[in-house]
N, C-alpha and C. Protein backbone atom coordinates (compact mmCIF):
# COMPACT_ATOMS: atom_id res chain seq x y z
N MET A 1 110.97 106.17 82.43
CA MET A 1 111.31 106.25 83.85
C MET A 1 111.36 104.84 84.44
N GLU A 2 112.34 104.59 85.27
CA GLU A 2 112.48 103.26 85.84
C GLU A 2 111.37 103.01 86.85
N THR A 3 110.94 101.74 86.91
CA THR A 3 109.84 101.37 87.79
C THR A 3 110.14 101.69 89.24
N LYS A 4 111.41 101.56 89.66
CA LYS A 4 111.76 101.77 91.06
C LYS A 4 111.52 103.21 91.49
N GLU A 5 111.42 104.14 90.52
CA GLU A 5 111.18 105.52 90.86
C GLU A 5 109.70 105.82 91.06
N ILE A 6 108.84 104.89 90.73
CA ILE A 6 107.40 105.08 90.86
C ILE A 6 106.96 104.58 92.23
N SER A 7 106.22 105.40 92.96
CA SER A 7 105.78 105.01 94.30
C SER A 7 104.78 103.87 94.21
N GLN A 8 104.75 103.06 95.26
CA GLN A 8 103.80 101.95 95.31
C GLN A 8 102.36 102.45 95.35
N ALA A 9 102.13 103.66 95.85
CA ALA A 9 100.77 104.22 95.85
C ALA A 9 100.27 104.40 94.42
N VAL A 10 101.16 104.86 93.54
CA VAL A 10 100.79 105.01 92.12
C VAL A 10 100.57 103.65 91.49
N VAL A 11 101.49 102.73 91.74
CA VAL A 11 101.38 101.38 91.17
C VAL A 11 100.09 100.70 91.60
N SER A 12 99.69 100.91 92.85
CA SER A 12 98.48 100.26 93.37
C SER A 12 97.22 100.77 92.70
N ARG A 13 97.28 101.98 92.11
CA ARG A 13 96.10 102.52 91.42
C ARG A 13 96.02 102.08 89.96
N LEU A 14 97.11 101.61 89.38
CA LEU A 14 97.12 101.25 87.96
C LEU A 14 96.12 100.15 87.61
N PRO A 15 96.00 99.06 88.39
CA PRO A 15 95.01 98.04 88.03
C PRO A 15 93.59 98.57 88.01
N ARG A 16 93.29 99.52 88.89
CA ARG A 16 91.94 100.10 88.91
C ARG A 16 91.70 100.94 87.67
N TYR A 17 92.69 101.74 87.26
CA TYR A 17 92.57 102.47 86.00
C TYR A 17 92.35 101.50 84.84
N TYR A 18 93.12 100.43 84.84
CA TYR A 18 93.03 99.44 83.76
C TYR A 18 91.64 98.83 83.69
N ARG A 19 91.09 98.52 84.86
CA ARG A 19 89.75 97.90 84.91
C ARG A 19 88.68 98.86 84.39
N TYR A 20 88.71 100.11 84.85
CA TYR A 20 87.72 101.08 84.40
C TYR A 20 87.85 101.36 82.90
N LEU A 21 89.07 101.50 82.43
CA LEU A 21 89.28 101.77 81.01
C LEU A 21 88.83 100.59 80.15
N GLY A 22 89.02 99.37 80.67
CA GLY A 22 88.54 98.20 79.94
C GLY A 22 87.03 98.22 79.79
N ASP A 23 86.33 98.61 80.85
CA ASP A 23 84.87 98.71 80.78
C ASP A 23 84.44 99.79 79.80
N LEU A 24 85.14 100.93 79.84
CA LEU A 24 84.80 102.02 78.92
C LEU A 24 85.04 101.61 77.47
N LYS A 25 86.14 100.92 77.23
CA LYS A 25 86.45 100.44 75.87
C LYS A 25 85.36 99.50 75.38
N ASP A 26 84.94 98.58 76.25
CA ASP A 26 83.90 97.62 75.87
C ASP A 26 82.56 98.31 75.60
N GLU A 27 82.35 99.45 76.25
CA GLU A 27 81.11 100.21 76.04
C GLU A 27 81.18 101.11 74.81
N GLY A 28 82.32 101.12 74.14
CA GLY A 28 82.46 101.90 72.93
C GLY A 28 82.88 103.34 73.14
N VAL A 29 83.35 103.68 74.34
CA VAL A 29 83.81 105.04 74.63
C VAL A 29 85.21 105.21 74.02
N GLU A 30 85.34 106.12 73.08
CA GLU A 30 86.60 106.26 72.35
C GLU A 30 87.61 107.16 73.05
N ARG A 31 87.14 108.18 73.76
CA ARG A 31 88.06 109.04 74.50
C ARG A 31 87.40 109.53 75.77
N ILE A 32 88.23 109.91 76.73
CA ILE A 32 87.71 110.36 78.01
C ILE A 32 88.68 111.36 78.62
N SER A 33 88.15 112.35 79.29
CA SER A 33 88.99 113.35 79.94
C SER A 33 89.30 112.91 81.37
N SER A 34 90.29 113.55 81.97
CA SER A 34 90.61 113.23 83.36
C SER A 34 89.45 113.60 84.27
N GLN A 35 88.69 114.66 83.92
CA GLN A 35 87.54 115.03 84.74
C GLN A 35 86.45 113.98 84.68
N GLU A 36 86.21 113.43 83.49
CA GLU A 36 85.19 112.39 83.34
C GLU A 36 85.60 111.12 84.06
N LEU A 37 86.87 110.76 83.93
CA LEU A 37 87.38 109.58 84.62
C LEU A 37 87.35 109.78 86.13
N SER A 38 87.58 111.00 86.55
CA SER A 38 87.54 111.34 87.97
C SER A 38 86.16 111.07 88.57
N LYS A 39 85.12 111.47 87.84
CA LYS A 39 83.75 111.27 88.34
C LYS A 39 83.40 109.79 88.45
N LEU A 40 83.90 109.00 87.52
CA LEU A 40 83.62 107.56 87.54
C LEU A 40 84.34 106.86 88.69
N MET A 41 85.60 107.24 88.92
CA MET A 41 86.45 106.50 89.85
C MET A 41 86.54 107.12 91.24
N HIS A 42 85.99 108.33 91.39
CA HIS A 42 86.08 109.05 92.67
C HIS A 42 87.55 109.26 93.08
N VAL A 43 88.36 109.60 92.09
CA VAL A 43 89.75 110.02 92.28
C VAL A 43 89.85 111.40 91.64
N THR A 44 90.57 112.32 92.24
CA THR A 44 90.63 113.66 91.68
C THR A 44 91.29 113.65 90.30
N ALA A 45 90.84 114.57 89.45
CA ALA A 45 91.41 114.67 88.11
C ALA A 45 92.90 115.00 88.19
N SER A 46 93.27 115.80 89.18
CA SER A 46 94.68 116.14 89.37
C SER A 46 95.51 114.90 89.69
N GLN A 47 94.96 114.02 90.54
CA GLN A 47 95.67 112.79 90.90
C GLN A 47 95.84 111.89 89.67
N ILE A 48 94.80 111.81 88.86
CA ILE A 48 94.87 110.99 87.64
C ILE A 48 95.96 111.50 86.72
N ARG A 49 95.98 112.81 86.51
CA ARG A 49 97.01 113.39 85.61
C ARG A 49 98.41 113.18 86.18
N GLN A 50 98.56 113.35 87.49
CA GLN A 50 99.86 113.13 88.10
C GLN A 50 100.32 111.69 87.94
N ASP A 51 99.39 110.76 88.16
CA ASP A 51 99.74 109.34 88.01
C ASP A 51 100.19 109.03 86.59
N PHE A 52 99.44 109.51 85.60
CA PHE A 52 99.76 109.21 84.21
C PHE A 52 101.05 109.90 83.77
N ASN A 53 101.32 111.07 84.34
CA ASN A 53 102.53 111.81 83.96
C ASN A 53 103.81 111.06 84.35
N HIS A 54 103.72 110.16 85.33
CA HIS A 54 104.88 109.34 85.69
C HIS A 54 105.32 108.48 84.52
N PHE A 55 104.38 108.20 83.59
CA PHE A 55 104.67 107.28 82.50
C PHE A 55 104.60 107.96 81.13
N GLY A 56 104.57 109.29 81.14
CA GLY A 56 104.59 110.00 79.87
C GLY A 56 103.36 110.82 79.58
N GLY A 57 102.31 110.67 80.38
CA GLY A 57 101.13 111.51 80.22
C GLY A 57 99.99 110.86 79.46
N PHE A 58 100.25 110.40 78.22
CA PHE A 58 99.28 109.67 77.37
C PHE A 58 98.22 110.55 76.71
N GLY A 59 97.94 111.74 77.23
CA GLY A 59 96.84 112.53 76.70
C GLY A 59 97.29 113.79 76.00
N GLN A 60 96.31 114.51 75.42
CA GLN A 60 96.55 115.78 74.77
C GLN A 60 95.61 116.81 75.39
N GLN A 61 96.16 117.99 75.72
CA GLN A 61 95.35 119.02 76.34
C GLN A 61 94.20 119.42 75.41
N GLY A 62 93.00 119.42 75.96
CA GLY A 62 91.82 119.76 75.19
C GLY A 62 91.20 118.58 74.46
N TYR A 63 91.89 117.47 74.48
CA TYR A 63 91.39 116.27 73.79
C TYR A 63 91.08 115.15 74.78
N GLY A 64 91.89 115.03 75.79
CA GLY A 64 91.70 113.94 76.76
C GLY A 64 92.53 112.73 76.37
N TYR A 65 92.03 111.56 76.73
CA TYR A 65 92.76 110.31 76.52
C TYR A 65 92.01 109.42 75.54
N ASN A 66 92.76 108.84 74.62
CA ASN A 66 92.20 107.80 73.77
C ASN A 66 92.05 106.55 74.62
N THR A 67 90.83 106.09 74.82
CA THR A 67 90.54 105.03 75.78
C THR A 67 91.28 103.74 75.46
N GLU A 68 91.20 103.30 74.21
CA GLU A 68 91.83 102.03 73.84
C GLU A 68 93.35 102.11 73.97
N TYR A 69 93.92 103.23 73.53
CA TYR A 69 95.36 103.40 73.62
C TYR A 69 95.82 103.41 75.07
N LEU A 70 95.11 104.17 75.92
CA LEU A 70 95.49 104.26 77.33
C LEU A 70 95.35 102.90 78.01
N TYR A 71 94.28 102.19 77.69
CA TYR A 71 94.08 100.84 78.23
C TYR A 71 95.24 99.92 77.85
N ARG A 72 95.64 99.98 76.59
CA ARG A 72 96.73 99.13 76.11
C ARG A 72 98.06 99.50 76.75
N GLU A 73 98.33 100.81 76.88
CA GLU A 73 99.60 101.25 77.44
C GLU A 73 99.71 100.92 78.93
N ILE A 74 98.62 101.08 79.67
CA ILE A 74 98.66 100.71 81.10
C ILE A 74 98.83 99.21 81.23
N GLY A 75 98.22 98.46 80.33
CA GLY A 75 98.43 97.02 80.32
C GLY A 75 99.88 96.65 80.13
N LYS A 76 100.58 97.38 79.26
CA LYS A 76 102.01 97.13 79.06
C LYS A 76 102.81 97.45 80.32
N ILE A 77 102.46 98.57 80.96
CA ILE A 77 103.15 98.95 82.20
C ILE A 77 102.97 97.86 83.26
N LEU A 78 101.79 97.28 83.31
CA LEU A 78 101.49 96.23 84.28
C LEU A 78 102.05 94.86 83.85
N GLY A 79 102.65 94.81 82.67
CA GLY A 79 103.21 93.55 82.19
C GLY A 79 102.19 92.60 81.63
N LEU A 80 101.02 93.11 81.26
CA LEU A 80 99.94 92.25 80.78
C LEU A 80 100.02 91.97 79.29
N ASP A 81 101.05 92.51 78.64
CA ASP A 81 101.25 92.19 77.23
C ASP A 81 102.02 90.89 77.05
N HIS A 82 102.35 90.24 78.18
CA HIS A 82 103.01 88.93 78.15
C HIS A 82 102.20 87.96 79.01
N ALA A 83 102.09 86.72 78.56
CA ALA A 83 101.39 85.70 79.34
C ALA A 83 102.24 85.28 80.54
N HIS A 84 101.59 84.94 81.63
CA HIS A 84 102.27 84.47 82.83
C HIS A 84 101.73 83.09 83.20
N ASN A 85 102.63 82.12 83.28
CA ASN A 85 102.24 80.77 83.69
C ASN A 85 102.33 80.65 85.21
N MET A 86 101.32 80.03 85.80
CA MET A 86 101.24 79.94 87.26
C MET A 86 100.99 78.50 87.72
N ILE A 87 101.37 78.23 88.96
CA ILE A 87 100.95 77.00 89.63
C ILE A 87 100.37 77.36 90.98
N LEU A 88 99.53 76.47 91.47
CA LEU A 88 98.91 76.63 92.78
C LEU A 88 99.49 75.60 93.73
N ILE A 89 99.85 76.02 94.93
CA ILE A 89 100.27 75.09 95.97
C ILE A 89 99.27 75.18 97.11
N GLY A 90 98.51 74.12 97.26
CA GLY A 90 97.45 74.09 98.26
C GLY A 90 96.09 74.03 97.60
N ALA A 91 95.61 72.83 97.28
CA ALA A 91 94.38 72.67 96.51
C ALA A 91 93.15 72.56 97.42
N GLY A 92 93.08 73.43 98.42
CA GLY A 92 91.91 73.48 99.31
C GLY A 92 90.83 74.37 98.74
N ASN A 93 89.94 74.85 99.62
CA ASN A 93 88.81 75.65 99.15
C ASN A 93 89.25 76.96 98.51
N LEU A 94 90.16 77.68 99.17
CA LEU A 94 90.60 78.96 98.62
C LEU A 94 91.35 78.75 97.31
N GLY A 95 92.28 77.80 97.29
CA GLY A 95 93.04 77.54 96.08
C GLY A 95 92.15 77.13 94.93
N SER A 96 91.18 76.28 95.20
CA SER A 96 90.26 75.83 94.16
C SER A 96 89.44 76.98 93.61
N ALA A 97 89.03 77.90 94.49
CA ALA A 97 88.26 79.06 94.05
C ALA A 97 89.11 79.96 93.15
N LEU A 98 90.38 80.13 93.49
CA LEU A 98 91.27 80.96 92.68
C LEU A 98 91.47 80.37 91.29
N VAL A 99 91.69 79.07 91.23
CA VAL A 99 91.88 78.41 89.93
C VAL A 99 90.62 78.51 89.08
N GLY A 100 89.46 78.43 89.73
CA GLY A 100 88.20 78.46 89.00
C GLY A 100 87.78 79.84 88.52
N TYR A 101 88.48 80.88 88.97
CA TYR A 101 88.13 82.24 88.57
C TYR A 101 88.68 82.51 87.17
N MET A 102 87.83 82.44 86.18
CA MET A 102 88.26 82.43 84.79
C MET A 102 88.81 83.77 84.31
N ASN A 103 88.52 84.86 85.03
CA ASN A 103 88.94 86.18 84.56
C ASN A 103 90.46 86.31 84.49
N TYR A 104 91.18 85.47 85.24
CA TYR A 104 92.65 85.52 85.17
C TYR A 104 93.13 85.28 83.74
N ARG A 105 92.49 84.37 83.06
CA ARG A 105 92.92 84.04 81.70
C ARG A 105 92.77 85.24 80.77
N ASN A 106 91.71 86.03 80.98
CA ASN A 106 91.51 87.22 80.16
C ASN A 106 92.61 88.24 80.36
N ARG A 107 93.31 88.16 81.48
CA ARG A 107 94.41 89.09 81.77
C ARG A 107 95.78 88.48 81.45
N GLY A 108 95.79 87.24 80.94
CA GLY A 108 97.05 86.62 80.55
C GLY A 108 97.72 85.79 81.63
N PHE A 109 96.96 85.40 82.67
CA PHE A 109 97.49 84.55 83.74
C PHE A 109 96.89 83.15 83.59
N PHE A 110 97.77 82.15 83.45
CA PHE A 110 97.30 80.80 83.15
C PHE A 110 97.82 79.80 84.19
N PHE A 111 96.90 79.17 84.90
CA PHE A 111 97.28 78.09 85.81
C PHE A 111 97.63 76.85 85.00
N LYS A 112 98.81 76.29 85.28
CA LYS A 112 99.26 75.10 84.57
C LYS A 112 99.16 73.84 85.41
N ALA A 113 99.18 73.99 86.74
CA ALA A 113 99.15 72.82 87.61
C ALA A 113 98.85 73.26 89.04
N ALA A 114 98.43 72.29 89.85
CA ALA A 114 98.24 72.50 91.28
C ALA A 114 98.96 71.39 92.03
N PHE A 115 99.29 71.66 93.29
CA PHE A 115 100.02 70.69 94.11
C PHE A 115 99.39 70.62 95.50
N ASP A 116 99.42 69.41 96.07
CA ASP A 116 98.85 69.25 97.40
C ASP A 116 99.51 68.04 98.09
N VAL A 117 99.51 68.09 99.44
CA VAL A 117 100.09 66.99 100.21
C VAL A 117 99.08 65.87 100.44
N ASN A 118 97.80 66.13 100.16
CA ASN A 118 96.75 65.13 100.38
C ASN A 118 96.74 64.12 99.24
N PRO A 119 97.06 62.85 99.53
CA PRO A 119 97.09 61.84 98.45
C PRO A 119 95.77 61.69 97.73
N ALA A 120 94.66 61.98 98.43
CA ALA A 120 93.35 61.84 97.80
C ALA A 120 93.13 62.88 96.69
N LYS A 121 93.85 63.97 96.75
CA LYS A 121 93.69 65.01 95.73
C LYS A 121 94.65 64.84 94.56
N VAL A 122 95.76 64.18 94.81
CA VAL A 122 96.75 63.96 93.75
C VAL A 122 96.16 63.06 92.67
N GLY A 123 96.30 63.47 91.44
CA GLY A 123 95.75 62.71 90.32
C GLY A 123 94.38 63.19 89.90
N THR A 124 93.77 64.10 90.69
CA THR A 124 92.49 64.70 90.31
C THR A 124 92.78 66.00 89.56
N ASP A 125 91.73 66.78 89.33
CA ASP A 125 91.96 68.08 88.70
C ASP A 125 91.01 69.11 89.29
N ILE A 126 91.38 70.39 89.14
CA ILE A 126 90.56 71.53 89.56
C ILE A 126 90.31 72.38 88.33
N ALA A 127 89.06 72.45 87.91
CA ALA A 127 88.70 73.23 86.71
C ALA A 127 89.60 72.87 85.53
N GLY A 128 89.91 71.59 85.41
CA GLY A 128 90.74 71.12 84.30
C GLY A 128 92.23 71.21 84.54
N ILE A 129 92.64 71.70 85.72
CA ILE A 129 94.06 71.82 86.05
C ILE A 129 94.48 70.61 86.86
N PRO A 130 95.50 69.84 86.43
CA PRO A 130 95.89 68.63 87.15
C PRO A 130 96.53 68.94 88.50
N VAL A 131 96.27 68.07 89.47
CA VAL A 131 96.84 68.18 90.81
C VAL A 131 97.95 67.14 90.97
N TYR A 132 99.15 67.59 91.33
CA TYR A 132 100.31 66.72 91.47
C TYR A 132 100.75 66.63 92.93
N ALA A 133 101.60 65.64 93.18
CA ALA A 133 102.25 65.54 94.49
C ALA A 133 103.33 66.60 94.60
N MET A 134 103.65 67.00 95.83
CA MET A 134 104.60 68.08 96.05
C MET A 134 105.99 67.77 95.50
N ASP A 135 106.38 66.50 95.50
CA ASP A 135 107.73 66.17 95.04
C ASP A 135 107.90 66.33 93.53
N GLN A 136 106.82 66.64 92.81
CA GLN A 136 106.90 66.87 91.37
C GLN A 136 106.99 68.37 91.03
N MET A 137 106.95 69.21 92.06
CA MET A 137 106.85 70.65 91.85
C MET A 137 108.00 71.22 91.02
N ALA A 138 109.23 70.91 91.39
CA ALA A 138 110.38 71.48 90.69
C ALA A 138 110.40 71.09 89.22
N ASP A 139 110.04 69.85 88.92
CA ASP A 139 110.02 69.39 87.53
C ASP A 139 108.97 70.14 86.71
N VAL A 140 107.78 70.34 87.31
CA VAL A 140 106.70 71.03 86.60
C VAL A 140 107.06 72.50 86.37
N ILE A 141 107.67 73.13 87.37
CA ILE A 141 108.09 74.53 87.22
C ILE A 141 109.03 74.68 86.04
N GLU A 142 109.96 73.75 85.92
CA GLU A 142 110.93 73.79 84.81
C GLU A 142 110.25 73.52 83.48
N ARG A 143 109.41 72.49 83.45
CA ARG A 143 108.78 72.07 82.19
C ARG A 143 107.80 73.11 81.66
N GLU A 144 107.00 73.69 82.55
CA GLU A 144 105.95 74.61 82.14
C GLU A 144 106.39 76.07 82.14
N LYS A 145 107.67 76.31 82.46
CA LYS A 145 108.21 77.68 82.49
C LYS A 145 107.33 78.58 83.37
N ILE A 146 107.21 78.19 84.62
CA ILE A 146 106.32 78.88 85.56
C ILE A 146 106.94 80.20 86.02
N ASP A 147 106.14 81.26 85.96
CA ASP A 147 106.56 82.58 86.43
C ASP A 147 106.12 82.81 87.88
N ILE A 148 104.86 82.45 88.16
CA ILE A 148 104.22 82.84 89.43
C ILE A 148 103.73 81.61 90.17
N VAL A 149 104.03 81.56 91.47
CA VAL A 149 103.53 80.49 92.34
C VAL A 149 102.52 81.10 93.30
N VAL A 150 101.36 80.47 93.40
CA VAL A 150 100.30 80.93 94.31
C VAL A 150 100.29 80.02 95.52
N LEU A 151 100.50 80.59 96.70
CA LEU A 151 100.53 79.81 97.94
C LEU A 151 99.24 79.99 98.73
N THR A 152 98.51 78.90 98.92
CA THR A 152 97.31 78.92 99.75
C THR A 152 97.41 77.78 100.76
N ILE A 153 98.49 77.81 101.55
CA ILE A 153 98.76 76.76 102.53
C ILE A 153 99.05 77.40 103.88
N PRO A 154 99.01 76.62 104.97
CA PRO A 154 99.30 77.19 106.30
C PRO A 154 100.69 77.82 106.34
N LYS A 155 100.84 78.81 107.22
CA LYS A 155 102.08 79.59 107.22
C LYS A 155 103.32 78.75 107.53
N GLN A 156 103.20 77.73 108.40
CA GLN A 156 104.36 76.90 108.71
C GLN A 156 104.86 76.20 107.46
N GLU A 157 103.92 75.70 106.65
CA GLU A 157 104.30 75.00 105.42
C GLU A 157 104.78 75.99 104.36
N ALA A 158 104.20 77.18 104.35
CA ALA A 158 104.58 78.18 103.35
C ALA A 158 106.05 78.56 103.48
N VAL A 159 106.52 78.68 104.71
CA VAL A 159 107.93 79.02 104.94
C VAL A 159 108.84 77.94 104.37
N LYS A 160 108.47 76.67 104.59
CA LYS A 160 109.28 75.56 104.08
C LYS A 160 109.25 75.52 102.54
N VAL A 161 108.06 75.70 101.98
CA VAL A 161 107.93 75.65 100.51
C VAL A 161 108.70 76.80 99.87
N ALA A 162 108.68 77.97 100.51
CA ALA A 162 109.41 79.11 99.96
C ALA A 162 110.90 78.82 99.84
N GLN A 163 111.45 78.06 100.78
CA GLN A 163 112.86 77.70 100.72
C GLN A 163 113.15 76.83 99.50
N VAL A 164 112.22 75.95 99.18
CA VAL A 164 112.37 75.11 97.99
C VAL A 164 112.24 75.96 96.73
N LEU A 165 111.26 76.86 96.72
CA LEU A 165 111.02 77.71 95.55
C LEU A 165 112.20 78.64 95.27
N ALA A 166 112.94 79.00 96.32
CA ALA A 166 114.08 79.91 96.15
C ALA A 166 115.13 79.33 95.22
N ALA A 167 115.15 78.02 95.08
CA ALA A 167 116.15 77.37 94.22
C ALA A 167 115.62 77.11 92.80
N THR A 168 114.43 77.60 92.50
CA THR A 168 113.82 77.39 91.19
C THR A 168 113.84 78.71 90.40
N PRO A 169 113.56 78.66 89.10
CA PRO A 169 113.61 79.89 88.29
C PRO A 169 112.32 80.73 88.31
N ILE A 170 111.45 80.54 89.29
CA ILE A 170 110.22 81.34 89.33
C ILE A 170 110.56 82.82 89.53
N ARG A 171 109.61 83.68 89.20
CA ARG A 171 109.84 85.12 89.28
C ARG A 171 109.02 85.80 90.36
N ALA A 172 107.97 85.14 90.85
CA ALA A 172 107.11 85.80 91.83
C ALA A 172 106.29 84.79 92.62
N ILE A 173 105.86 85.22 93.82
CA ILE A 173 104.98 84.42 94.67
C ILE A 173 103.79 85.28 95.06
N TRP A 174 102.60 84.76 94.84
CA TRP A 174 101.36 85.39 95.32
C TRP A 174 101.00 84.66 96.61
N ASN A 175 101.27 85.28 97.73
CA ASN A 175 101.26 84.60 99.02
C ASN A 175 100.00 84.89 99.83
N PHE A 176 99.16 83.87 100.01
CA PHE A 176 97.96 84.00 100.83
C PHE A 176 98.18 83.47 102.25
N ALA A 177 99.37 82.96 102.53
CA ALA A 177 99.69 82.49 103.88
C ALA A 177 100.01 83.70 104.76
N HIS A 178 99.61 83.63 106.03
CA HIS A 178 99.80 84.77 106.94
C HIS A 178 101.21 84.77 107.52
N CYS A 179 102.19 85.00 106.65
CA CYS A 179 103.58 85.04 107.10
C CYS A 179 104.42 85.75 106.06
N ASP A 180 105.59 86.23 106.48
CA ASP A 180 106.54 86.81 105.56
C ASP A 180 107.48 85.71 105.08
N LEU A 181 107.87 85.80 103.82
CA LEU A 181 108.69 84.75 103.21
C LEU A 181 110.10 85.27 102.95
N ALA A 182 111.09 84.46 103.27
CA ALA A 182 112.49 84.80 103.01
C ALA A 182 112.89 84.18 101.67
N VAL A 183 112.94 85.01 100.64
CA VAL A 183 113.30 84.54 99.30
C VAL A 183 114.31 85.51 98.70
N PRO A 184 115.03 85.11 97.66
CA PRO A 184 115.99 86.02 97.01
C PRO A 184 115.30 87.25 96.43
N ASP A 185 116.06 88.32 96.25
CA ASP A 185 115.51 89.55 95.69
C ASP A 185 114.97 89.36 94.28
N SER A 186 115.42 88.33 93.60
CA SER A 186 114.97 88.06 92.24
C SER A 186 113.52 87.57 92.20
N ILE A 187 112.99 87.17 93.35
CA ILE A 187 111.61 86.68 93.43
C ILE A 187 110.75 87.76 94.09
N GLN A 188 109.77 88.26 93.35
CA GLN A 188 108.87 89.26 93.89
C GLN A 188 107.76 88.56 94.70
N VAL A 189 107.39 89.16 95.83
CA VAL A 189 106.35 88.58 96.68
C VAL A 189 105.23 89.59 96.88
N GLU A 190 104.02 89.16 96.61
CA GLU A 190 102.82 89.96 96.90
C GLU A 190 102.03 89.22 97.97
N ASN A 191 101.96 89.81 99.17
CA ASN A 191 101.24 89.19 100.28
C ASN A 191 99.79 89.62 100.28
N VAL A 192 98.90 88.66 100.40
CA VAL A 192 97.47 88.94 100.46
C VAL A 192 96.93 88.40 101.78
N HIS A 193 96.63 89.32 102.70
CA HIS A 193 96.08 88.92 104.00
C HIS A 193 94.60 89.28 104.02
N LEU A 194 93.75 88.30 103.80
CA LEU A 194 92.32 88.56 103.70
C LEU A 194 91.76 89.12 105.00
N SER A 195 92.28 88.65 106.13
CA SER A 195 91.78 89.14 107.42
C SER A 195 92.11 90.63 107.61
N ASP A 196 93.24 91.08 107.05
CA ASP A 196 93.59 92.51 107.13
C ASP A 196 92.53 93.36 106.45
N SER A 197 92.06 92.89 105.31
CA SER A 197 91.03 93.62 104.58
C SER A 197 89.74 93.71 105.40
N LEU A 198 89.39 92.61 106.04
CA LEU A 198 88.19 92.62 106.88
C LEU A 198 88.35 93.55 108.07
N MET A 199 89.54 93.58 108.66
CA MET A 199 89.76 94.46 109.80
C MET A 199 89.70 95.93 109.39
N ARG A 200 90.20 96.26 108.19
CA ARG A 200 90.07 97.62 107.69
C ARG A 200 88.61 97.98 107.48
N LEU A 201 87.83 97.02 106.99
CA LEU A 201 86.40 97.23 106.81
C LEU A 201 85.72 97.46 108.15
N SER A 202 86.10 96.67 109.15
CA SER A 202 85.55 96.83 110.50
C SER A 202 85.87 98.21 111.06
N TYR A 203 87.10 98.65 110.82
CA TYR A 203 87.51 99.99 111.29
C TYR A 203 86.65 101.07 110.64
N ASN A 204 86.45 100.96 109.33
CA ASN A 204 85.66 101.96 108.62
C ASN A 204 84.21 101.97 109.09
N ILE A 205 83.66 100.79 109.39
CA ILE A 205 82.30 100.72 109.93
C ILE A 205 82.23 101.49 111.25
N ARG A 206 83.20 101.24 112.10
CA ARG A 206 83.21 101.90 113.41
C ARG A 206 83.36 103.41 113.27
N GLN A 207 84.26 103.84 112.39
CA GLN A 207 84.45 105.27 112.18
C GLN A 207 83.19 105.93 111.65
N HIS A 208 82.49 105.24 110.75
CA HIS A 208 81.25 105.78 110.20
C HIS A 208 80.19 105.90 111.29
N GLU A 209 80.09 104.88 112.14
CA GLU A 209 79.10 104.91 113.21
C GLU A 209 79.40 106.01 114.21
N GLU A 210 80.69 106.18 114.54
CA GLU A 210 81.07 107.24 115.47
C GLU A 210 80.79 108.62 114.88
N GLY A 211 81.00 108.75 113.58
CA GLY A 211 80.70 110.01 112.93
C GLY A 211 79.22 110.34 112.96
N ARG A 212 78.39 109.33 112.78
CA ARG A 212 76.94 109.54 112.84
C ARG A 212 76.49 109.92 114.24
N ARG A 213 77.10 109.29 115.26
CA ARG A 213 76.73 109.61 116.63
C ARG A 213 77.10 111.05 116.98
N LYS A 214 78.26 111.49 116.52
CA LYS A 214 78.70 112.87 116.80
C LYS A 214 77.77 113.89 116.17
N LYS A 215 77.27 113.57 114.96
CA LYS A 215 76.35 114.49 114.29
C LYS A 215 75.04 114.62 115.03
N LYS A 216 74.62 113.54 115.71
CA LYS A 216 73.35 113.56 116.44
C LYS A 216 73.46 114.29 117.78
N GLN A 217 74.69 114.41 118.28
CA GLN A 217 74.87 115.06 119.60
C GLN A 217 74.68 116.57 119.52
C-alpha cells in the first residue's frame, strides 16, 4: 500500500510501536499478542491490529507477533534500514543538545557537520562534529550527501536559510524554528514547536484539575 494512503495518525504511532518492540526484543521477549502490547502501551488491541493491517498485518491468529520480525519490519516502514546523514544549522544550546544525543546514531541518523553565524563557534566542534561558516553549507551538503537538515535558528533566519536549502539536494528539514517554511514538495518538513507541547500539557493540567473539582462538588 502506498504511504500516501496511510493516515498521519497511524504514521505518528509507528515510532512508539518501534520503541516498545525494541525494548521487548532487548528483554528477550520472542512474541507478543496485540492484547499484551495493548496493556503495555495503553492503546486498544483493536487499534494496534488496525494499524498493522495497513501494512500487511505481520501476525498470525492465535500466535501473535514475532517481536524481532515486527520490530525490523516497522523499522523498514519508517526508513530506518537506511542511514541518514544530517547537518545542524544553529549551534546554540538546543542545537548542541540535539547533536549530543547519541541515541540518534542507534537509529541510523548521523550528524556530519554544524553551521553557525557566530565566528567564535566556527572552527570548533560539538560532540566531535565540526562547526563551519554558513557560506560552506552548500559544499558540505554535496560532499557529505546530506539527507536531513536540522534548523535551530530564529524564525526570520530560518525562512532565509530555507530558500537556500531549496536549491540543494536535501530531502527533509527538521524545523525547530517557530515558522512555516516555503520549500519544494520534494523536501519533507517536520515542524517541532516545543512551546506547543508545553501548552498542551498546560491544557491537560487544567482539565484534570477541573475534573477533580467537579467530582468534589
